[in-house]
């Protein structure tokens, strides 16, 4: 029912919400729901349109500073867990790394606390979130984002 309402509110192939914040959060919620729409074999269906829309929404949000970095981090982590094709595209890793640096998040527990107010299902999202954060713990910061939070 929730997935239907999300898609009915704003179909992925239709016009997007005008607000960058509304658009990005809507797409994050759709990505959050993807694991619940798994195939009979348990795999999540590929959705290149959703992946591309999230990428554009995140880039637009970065350019307007309309959204806080915790929200963007949640959208990227949910997308990484359910939408983005593995191995992850190169564009997402530096963004997550820089957001973690800017938010002073050094462990998975830090990240988990930072995104606790957003929809998250441990059974579906934790494994990929933990693996992604662990792979970024020993990284070189990227100048993609401002140092200001």
N, C-alpha and C. Protein backbone atom coordinates (compact mmCIF):
# COMPACT_ATOMS: atom_id res chain seq x y z
N UNK A 1 0.80 -1.19 0.00
CA UNK A 1 0.00 0.00 0.00
C UNK A 1 0.85 1.27 0.00
N UNK A 2 1.92 1.29 0.85
CA UNK A 2 2.76 2.47 0.92
C UNK A 2 3.49 2.68 -0.41
N UNK A 3 4.02 1.59 -0.98
CA UNK A 3 4.71 1.71 -2.26
C UNK A 3 3.80 2.26 -3.34
N UNK A 4 2.56 1.80 -3.36
CA UNK A 4 1.59 2.31 -4.33
C UNK A 4 1.38 3.81 -4.14
N UNK A 5 1.22 4.24 -2.91
CA UNK A 5 1.00 5.66 -2.64
C UNK A 5 2.20 6.50 -3.05
N UNK A 6 3.40 6.00 -2.80
CA UNK A 6 4.59 6.75 -3.20
C UNK A 6 4.65 6.93 -4.71
N UNK A 7 4.38 5.86 -5.44
CA UNK A 7 4.42 5.93 -6.90
C UNK A 7 3.23 6.73 -7.43
N UNK A 8 2.08 6.60 -6.81
CA UNK A 8 0.92 7.37 -7.23
C UNK A 8 1.14 8.87 -7.00
N UNK A 9 1.79 9.22 -5.89
CA UNK A 9 2.08 10.61 -5.57
C UNK A 9 2.93 11.26 -6.66
N UNK A 10 3.94 10.52 -7.11
CA UNK A 10 4.85 11.05 -8.13
C UNK A 10 5.46 9.89 -8.90
N UNK A 11 4.85 9.48 -10.01
CA UNK A 11 5.41 8.37 -10.81
C UNK A 11 6.84 8.68 -11.25
N UNK A 12 7.68 7.67 -11.22
CA UNK A 12 9.08 7.88 -11.55
C UNK A 12 9.28 8.44 -12.96
N UNK A 13 8.44 8.04 -13.89
CA UNK A 13 8.60 8.52 -15.26
C UNK A 13 7.81 9.80 -15.52
N UNK A 14 7.13 10.31 -14.50
CA UNK A 14 6.34 11.54 -14.64
C UNK A 14 7.12 12.76 -14.18
N UNK A 15 6.41 13.85 -14.00
CA UNK A 15 7.06 15.06 -13.53
C UNK A 15 7.45 14.87 -12.07
N UNK A 16 8.55 15.46 -11.69
CA UNK A 16 9.10 15.34 -10.35
C UNK A 16 8.62 16.50 -9.49
N UNK A 17 8.57 16.30 -8.15
CA UNK A 17 8.22 17.42 -7.27
C UNK A 17 9.15 18.61 -7.50
N UNK A 18 8.62 19.80 -7.39
CA UNK A 18 9.40 21.01 -7.66
C UNK A 18 10.51 21.21 -6.64
N UNK A 19 10.22 20.98 -5.39
CA UNK A 19 11.22 21.16 -4.34
C UNK A 19 12.28 20.06 -4.45
N UNK A 20 13.55 20.45 -4.43
CA UNK A 20 14.63 19.46 -4.47
C UNK A 20 14.56 18.54 -3.25
N UNK A 21 14.19 19.11 -2.11
CA UNK A 21 14.06 18.32 -0.90
C UNK A 21 12.95 17.29 -1.03
N UNK A 22 11.77 17.71 -1.45
CA UNK A 22 10.64 16.78 -1.64
C UNK A 22 11.00 15.68 -2.63
N UNK A 23 11.63 16.06 -3.72
CA UNK A 23 12.00 15.10 -4.75
C UNK A 23 12.98 14.06 -4.20
N UNK A 24 14.05 14.52 -3.56
CA UNK A 24 15.07 13.60 -3.05
C UNK A 24 14.51 12.68 -1.97
N UNK A 25 13.72 13.22 -1.05
CA UNK A 25 13.15 12.39 0.01
C UNK A 25 12.16 11.39 -0.58
N UNK A 26 11.36 11.81 -1.55
CA UNK A 26 10.43 10.88 -2.21
C UNK A 26 11.20 9.73 -2.85
N UNK A 27 12.27 10.05 -3.55
CA UNK A 27 13.07 9.01 -4.20
C UNK A 27 13.74 8.10 -3.16
N UNK A 28 14.20 8.69 -2.05
CA UNK A 28 14.77 7.89 -0.97
C UNK A 28 13.76 6.92 -0.39
N UNK A 29 12.53 7.38 -0.24
CA UNK A 29 11.48 6.50 0.27
C UNK A 29 11.15 5.38 -0.71
N UNK A 30 11.15 5.69 -2.00
CA UNK A 30 10.91 4.64 -3.01
C UNK A 30 12.05 3.63 -2.94
N UNK A 31 13.30 4.10 -2.83
CA UNK A 31 14.45 3.20 -2.72
C UNK A 31 14.34 2.35 -1.46
N UNK A 32 13.89 2.97 -0.37
CA UNK A 32 13.70 2.24 0.89
C UNK A 32 12.73 1.08 0.70
N UNK A 33 11.69 1.27 -0.09
CA UNK A 33 10.66 0.25 -0.29
C UNK A 33 11.09 -0.86 -1.26
N UNK A 34 12.11 -0.64 -2.06
CA UNK A 34 12.50 -1.62 -3.08
C UNK A 34 12.75 -3.03 -2.54
N UNK A 35 13.45 -3.22 -1.41
CA UNK A 35 13.67 -4.59 -0.94
C UNK A 35 12.37 -5.32 -0.59
N UNK A 36 11.31 -4.58 -0.29
CA UNK A 36 10.04 -5.20 0.04
C UNK A 36 9.30 -5.66 -1.22
N UNK A 37 9.80 -5.28 -2.38
CA UNK A 37 9.20 -5.66 -3.66
C UNK A 37 10.11 -6.65 -4.38
N UNK A 38 10.65 -7.59 -3.64
CA UNK A 38 11.62 -8.51 -4.23
C UNK A 38 10.95 -9.53 -5.14
N UNK A 39 11.78 -10.11 -5.99
CA UNK A 39 11.32 -11.17 -6.90
C UNK A 39 11.16 -12.46 -6.10
N UNK A 40 10.65 -13.48 -6.76
CA UNK A 40 10.47 -14.78 -6.10
C UNK A 40 11.79 -15.37 -5.61
N UNK A 41 12.89 -15.06 -6.29
CA UNK A 41 14.19 -15.58 -5.86
C UNK A 41 14.82 -14.73 -4.77
N UNK A 42 14.12 -13.70 -4.30
CA UNK A 42 14.61 -12.84 -3.22
C UNK A 42 15.43 -11.66 -3.68
N UNK A 43 15.75 -11.58 -4.98
CA UNK A 43 16.54 -10.45 -5.47
C UNK A 43 15.65 -9.22 -5.68
N UNK A 44 16.26 -8.06 -5.53
CA UNK A 44 15.55 -6.81 -5.76
C UNK A 44 15.66 -6.48 -7.25
N UNK A 45 14.54 -6.14 -7.90
CA UNK A 45 14.60 -5.84 -9.32
C UNK A 45 15.47 -4.61 -9.61
N UNK A 46 16.18 -4.66 -10.73
CA UNK A 46 16.97 -3.50 -11.16
C UNK A 46 16.03 -2.37 -11.53
N UNK A 47 16.41 -1.16 -11.19
CA UNK A 47 15.60 -0.01 -11.54
C UNK A 47 16.54 1.14 -11.92
N UNK A 48 17.07 1.10 -13.16
CA UNK A 48 18.02 2.13 -13.57
C UNK A 48 17.41 3.53 -13.56
N UNK A 49 16.11 3.65 -13.80
CA UNK A 49 15.48 4.97 -13.77
C UNK A 49 15.55 5.56 -12.36
N UNK A 50 15.21 4.77 -11.36
CA UNK A 50 15.28 5.24 -9.98
C UNK A 50 16.71 5.60 -9.60
N UNK A 51 17.64 4.78 -10.00
CA UNK A 51 19.05 5.06 -9.72
C UNK A 51 19.47 6.40 -10.31
N UNK A 52 19.12 6.64 -11.56
CA UNK A 52 19.48 7.89 -12.22
C UNK A 52 18.77 9.08 -11.58
N UNK A 53 17.50 8.92 -11.23
CA UNK A 53 16.76 10.01 -10.59
C UNK A 53 17.36 10.38 -9.24
N UNK A 54 17.79 9.38 -8.48
CA UNK A 54 18.43 9.66 -7.19
C UNK A 54 19.73 10.41 -7.40
N UNK A 55 20.50 9.97 -8.36
CA UNK A 55 21.78 10.64 -8.63
C UNK A 55 21.56 12.11 -8.97
N UNK A 56 20.61 12.40 -9.85
CA UNK A 56 20.31 13.78 -10.23
C UNK A 56 19.80 14.57 -9.03
N UNK A 57 18.90 13.96 -8.25
CA UNK A 57 18.34 14.66 -7.08
C UNK A 57 19.42 15.00 -6.06
N UNK A 58 20.34 14.08 -5.83
CA UNK A 58 21.43 14.34 -4.88
C UNK A 58 22.31 15.47 -5.41
N UNK A 59 22.66 15.43 -6.68
CA UNK A 59 23.49 16.49 -7.25
C UNK A 59 22.79 17.85 -7.17
N UNK A 60 21.49 17.88 -7.45
CA UNK A 60 20.74 19.14 -7.34
C UNK A 60 20.71 19.62 -5.91
N UNK A 61 20.52 18.73 -4.97
CA UNK A 61 20.48 19.11 -3.56
C UNK A 61 21.83 19.63 -3.09
N UNK A 62 22.91 19.04 -3.59
CA UNK A 62 24.24 19.53 -3.23
C UNK A 62 24.48 20.94 -3.75
N UNK A 63 23.94 21.23 -4.92
CA UNK A 63 24.18 22.54 -5.52
C UNK A 63 23.31 23.63 -4.90
N UNK A 64 22.22 23.26 -4.22
CA UNK A 64 21.34 24.27 -3.64
C UNK A 64 21.44 24.36 -2.13
N UNK A 65 22.11 23.43 -1.49
CA UNK A 65 22.20 23.38 -0.03
C UNK A 65 20.83 23.38 0.63
N UNK A 66 19.82 22.85 -0.07
CA UNK A 66 18.45 22.83 0.46
C UNK A 66 18.28 21.73 1.51
N UNK A 67 19.13 20.73 1.47
CA UNK A 67 18.95 19.56 2.31
C UNK A 67 20.18 19.34 3.18
N UNK A 68 19.96 18.87 4.40
CA UNK A 68 21.11 18.61 5.26
C UNK A 68 21.82 17.33 4.84
N UNK A 69 23.05 17.21 5.25
CA UNK A 69 23.87 16.08 4.81
C UNK A 69 23.43 14.75 5.42
N UNK A 70 22.81 14.77 6.59
CA UNK A 70 22.29 13.52 7.15
C UNK A 70 21.22 12.92 6.24
N UNK A 71 20.34 13.79 5.71
CA UNK A 71 19.29 13.31 4.81
C UNK A 71 19.91 12.75 3.54
N UNK A 72 20.88 13.46 2.98
CA UNK A 72 21.55 12.96 1.78
C UNK A 72 22.28 11.65 2.05
N UNK A 73 22.92 11.55 3.19
CA UNK A 73 23.62 10.32 3.54
C UNK A 73 22.63 9.15 3.61
N UNK A 74 21.48 9.38 4.24
CA UNK A 74 20.45 8.33 4.31
C UNK A 74 20.01 7.91 2.91
N UNK A 75 19.74 8.89 2.03
CA UNK A 75 19.30 8.57 0.67
C UNK A 75 20.35 7.74 -0.06
N UNK A 76 21.62 8.12 0.08
CA UNK A 76 22.69 7.39 -0.59
C UNK A 76 22.85 5.97 -0.02
N UNK A 77 22.76 5.84 1.29
CA UNK A 77 22.90 4.50 1.89
C UNK A 77 21.73 3.59 1.55
N UNK A 78 20.52 4.13 1.56
CA UNK A 78 19.35 3.33 1.17
C UNK A 78 19.47 2.95 -0.30
N UNK A 79 19.90 3.90 -1.12
CA UNK A 79 20.10 3.61 -2.54
C UNK A 79 21.16 2.55 -2.75
N UNK A 80 22.25 2.65 -1.99
CA UNK A 80 23.33 1.67 -2.11
C UNK A 80 22.85 0.28 -1.72
N UNK A 81 21.96 0.22 -0.75
CA UNK A 81 21.47 -1.08 -0.27
C UNK A 81 20.44 -1.70 -1.20
N UNK A 82 19.77 -0.88 -2.00
CA UNK A 82 18.63 -1.45 -2.73
C UNK A 82 18.51 -1.08 -4.19
N UNK A 83 19.17 -0.02 -4.64
CA UNK A 83 18.93 0.46 -6.00
C UNK A 83 20.17 0.48 -6.86
N UNK A 84 21.25 1.00 -6.32
CA UNK A 84 22.45 1.16 -7.13
C UNK A 84 23.08 -0.18 -7.45
N UNK A 85 23.51 -0.33 -8.67
CA UNK A 85 24.10 -1.58 -9.13
C UNK A 85 25.45 -1.77 -8.47
N UNK A 86 25.69 -3.00 -8.01
CA UNK A 86 26.95 -3.33 -7.36
C UNK A 86 27.95 -3.83 -8.41
N UNK A 87 29.22 -3.56 -8.35
CA UNK A 87 29.82 -2.65 -7.39
C UNK A 87 29.33 -1.22 -7.65
N UNK A 88 29.32 -0.44 -6.60
CA UNK A 88 28.75 0.90 -6.68
C UNK A 88 29.48 1.78 -7.68
N UNK A 89 28.71 2.63 -8.34
CA UNK A 89 29.31 3.62 -9.22
C UNK A 89 30.29 4.46 -8.45
N UNK A 90 31.32 4.91 -9.12
CA UNK A 90 32.37 5.70 -8.49
C UNK A 90 31.86 7.02 -7.90
N UNK A 91 30.79 7.57 -8.40
CA UNK A 91 30.34 8.88 -7.93
C UNK A 91 29.82 8.84 -6.50
N UNK A 92 29.28 7.70 -6.07
CA UNK A 92 28.64 7.64 -4.75
C UNK A 92 29.66 7.52 -3.62
N UNK A 93 30.74 6.82 -3.83
CA UNK A 93 31.70 6.57 -2.76
C UNK A 93 32.34 7.85 -2.22
N UNK A 94 32.83 8.76 -3.09
CA UNK A 94 33.40 9.99 -2.54
C UNK A 94 32.36 10.85 -1.82
N UNK A 95 31.12 10.84 -2.27
CA UNK A 95 30.08 11.62 -1.59
C UNK A 95 29.82 11.09 -0.19
N UNK A 96 29.64 9.79 -0.06
CA UNK A 96 29.41 9.20 1.25
C UNK A 96 30.61 9.44 2.16
N UNK A 97 31.79 9.27 1.62
CA UNK A 97 33.01 9.48 2.40
C UNK A 97 33.09 10.92 2.91
N UNK A 98 32.83 11.89 2.04
CA UNK A 98 32.91 13.29 2.44
C UNK A 98 31.82 13.64 3.45
N UNK A 99 30.62 13.10 3.27
CA UNK A 99 29.55 13.36 4.23
C UNK A 99 29.90 12.79 5.60
N UNK A 100 30.48 11.59 5.61
CA UNK A 100 30.90 11.01 6.88
C UNK A 100 31.96 11.88 7.54
N UNK A 101 32.90 12.39 6.76
CA UNK A 101 33.91 13.29 7.31
C UNK A 101 33.29 14.57 7.85
N UNK A 102 32.44 15.19 7.05
CA UNK A 102 31.81 16.45 7.46
C UNK A 102 30.96 16.30 8.71
N UNK A 103 30.29 15.16 8.83
CA UNK A 103 29.43 14.90 9.98
C UNK A 103 30.20 14.27 11.14
N UNK A 104 31.50 14.06 10.94
CA UNK A 104 32.38 13.44 11.94
C UNK A 104 31.87 12.06 12.37
N UNK A 105 31.55 11.27 11.37
CA UNK A 105 31.08 9.90 11.60
C UNK A 105 32.24 8.96 11.29
N UNK A 106 32.71 8.24 12.31
CA UNK A 106 33.91 7.43 12.13
C UNK A 106 33.65 5.92 12.18
N UNK A 107 32.47 5.53 12.64
CA UNK A 107 32.15 4.11 12.74
C UNK A 107 30.74 3.89 12.20
N UNK A 108 30.39 2.61 11.99
CA UNK A 108 29.03 2.30 11.56
C UNK A 108 28.04 2.74 12.63
N UNK A 109 28.40 2.61 13.88
CA UNK A 109 27.51 3.04 14.97
C UNK A 109 27.23 4.54 14.88
N UNK A 110 28.24 5.33 14.56
CA UNK A 110 28.05 6.78 14.37
C UNK A 110 27.07 7.04 13.23
N UNK A 111 27.29 6.36 12.12
CA UNK A 111 26.42 6.53 10.95
C UNK A 111 25.00 6.10 11.30
N UNK A 112 24.88 4.97 11.96
CA UNK A 112 23.57 4.45 12.33
C UNK A 112 22.80 5.43 13.22
N UNK A 113 23.49 6.05 14.16
CA UNK A 113 22.84 7.06 15.01
C UNK A 113 22.43 8.29 14.20
N UNK A 114 23.25 8.69 13.24
CA UNK A 114 22.97 9.88 12.44
C UNK A 114 21.74 9.71 11.56
N UNK A 115 21.50 8.50 11.10
CA UNK A 115 20.36 8.27 10.20
C UNK A 115 19.19 7.60 10.91
N UNK A 116 19.24 7.51 12.25
CA UNK A 116 18.22 6.80 13.02
C UNK A 116 16.82 7.39 12.85
N UNK A 117 16.72 8.66 12.51
CA UNK A 117 15.40 9.28 12.38
C UNK A 117 14.75 9.03 11.02
N UNK A 118 15.46 8.34 10.14
CA UNK A 118 14.96 8.05 8.80
C UNK A 118 14.55 6.58 8.70
N UNK A 119 13.67 6.25 7.75
CA UNK A 119 13.28 4.84 7.59
C UNK A 119 14.49 3.95 7.27
N UNK A 120 14.58 2.87 8.00
CA UNK A 120 15.70 1.94 7.85
C UNK A 120 15.26 0.60 8.39
N UNK A 121 15.51 -0.46 7.68
CA UNK A 121 15.18 -1.81 8.13
C UNK A 121 16.48 -2.59 8.24
N UNK A 122 16.87 -2.91 9.45
CA UNK A 122 18.14 -3.58 9.67
C UNK A 122 18.30 -4.83 8.80
N UNK A 123 17.25 -5.62 8.70
CA UNK A 123 17.33 -6.88 7.95
C UNK A 123 17.66 -6.66 6.48
N UNK A 124 17.24 -5.54 5.91
CA UNK A 124 17.47 -5.29 4.49
C UNK A 124 18.63 -4.34 4.22
N UNK A 125 18.88 -3.40 5.10
CA UNK A 125 19.81 -2.33 4.79
C UNK A 125 21.14 -2.39 5.54
N UNK A 126 21.16 -3.00 6.72
CA UNK A 126 22.36 -2.95 7.55
C UNK A 126 23.60 -3.57 6.92
N UNK A 127 23.45 -4.75 6.34
CA UNK A 127 24.63 -5.44 5.81
C UNK A 127 25.37 -4.59 4.78
N UNK A 128 24.65 -4.04 3.82
CA UNK A 128 25.33 -3.23 2.80
C UNK A 128 25.81 -1.91 3.39
N UNK A 129 25.04 -1.32 4.30
CA UNK A 129 25.47 -0.07 4.93
C UNK A 129 26.75 -0.25 5.73
N UNK A 130 26.82 -1.32 6.50
CA UNK A 130 28.02 -1.61 7.29
C UNK A 130 29.21 -1.89 6.39
N UNK A 131 29.00 -2.68 5.35
CA UNK A 131 30.10 -3.00 4.44
C UNK A 131 30.61 -1.76 3.72
N UNK A 132 29.69 -0.91 3.29
CA UNK A 132 30.08 0.32 2.60
C UNK A 132 30.86 1.23 3.53
N UNK A 133 30.37 1.43 4.74
CA UNK A 133 31.06 2.30 5.69
C UNK A 133 32.42 1.73 6.07
N UNK A 134 32.50 0.42 6.26
CA UNK A 134 33.78 -0.21 6.59
C UNK A 134 34.80 0.01 5.48
N UNK A 135 34.33 -0.06 4.23
CA UNK A 135 35.25 0.13 3.10
C UNK A 135 35.74 1.56 3.00
N UNK A 136 35.02 2.48 3.60
CA UNK A 136 35.39 3.90 3.53
C UNK A 136 36.14 4.40 4.76
N UNK A 137 36.33 3.57 5.76
CA UNK A 137 36.96 4.02 7.00
C UNK A 137 38.39 4.49 6.80
N UNK A 138 39.10 3.87 5.90
CA UNK A 138 40.49 4.26 5.63
C UNK A 138 40.57 4.87 4.25
N UNK A 139 40.12 6.10 4.16
CA UNK A 139 40.02 6.76 2.87
C UNK A 139 40.69 8.11 2.91
N UNK A 140 40.91 8.65 1.73
CA UNK A 140 41.41 10.01 1.59
C UNK A 140 40.21 10.91 1.37
N UNK A 141 40.05 11.97 2.16
CA UNK A 141 38.91 12.86 1.97
C UNK A 141 38.86 13.42 0.55
N UNK A 142 37.65 13.64 0.08
CA UNK A 142 37.42 14.17 -1.26
C UNK A 142 36.90 15.60 -1.17
N UNK A 143 37.34 16.49 -2.05
CA UNK A 143 36.89 17.88 -2.00
C UNK A 143 35.55 18.11 -2.70
N UNK A 144 34.68 17.09 -2.76
CA UNK A 144 33.42 17.23 -3.49
C UNK A 144 32.40 18.08 -2.77
N UNK A 145 32.48 18.10 -1.46
CA UNK A 145 31.50 18.85 -0.67
C UNK A 145 32.22 19.91 0.16
N UNK A 146 31.51 20.93 0.54
CA UNK A 146 32.07 21.93 1.46
C UNK A 146 32.31 21.29 2.81
N UNK A 147 33.24 21.81 3.55
CA UNK A 147 33.53 21.29 4.88
C UNK A 147 32.46 21.67 5.88
N UNK A 148 31.59 22.62 5.54
CA UNK A 148 30.55 23.05 6.47
C UNK A 148 29.42 22.03 6.49
N UNK A 149 28.88 21.79 7.66
CA UNK A 149 27.76 20.86 7.80
C UNK A 149 26.47 21.62 7.74
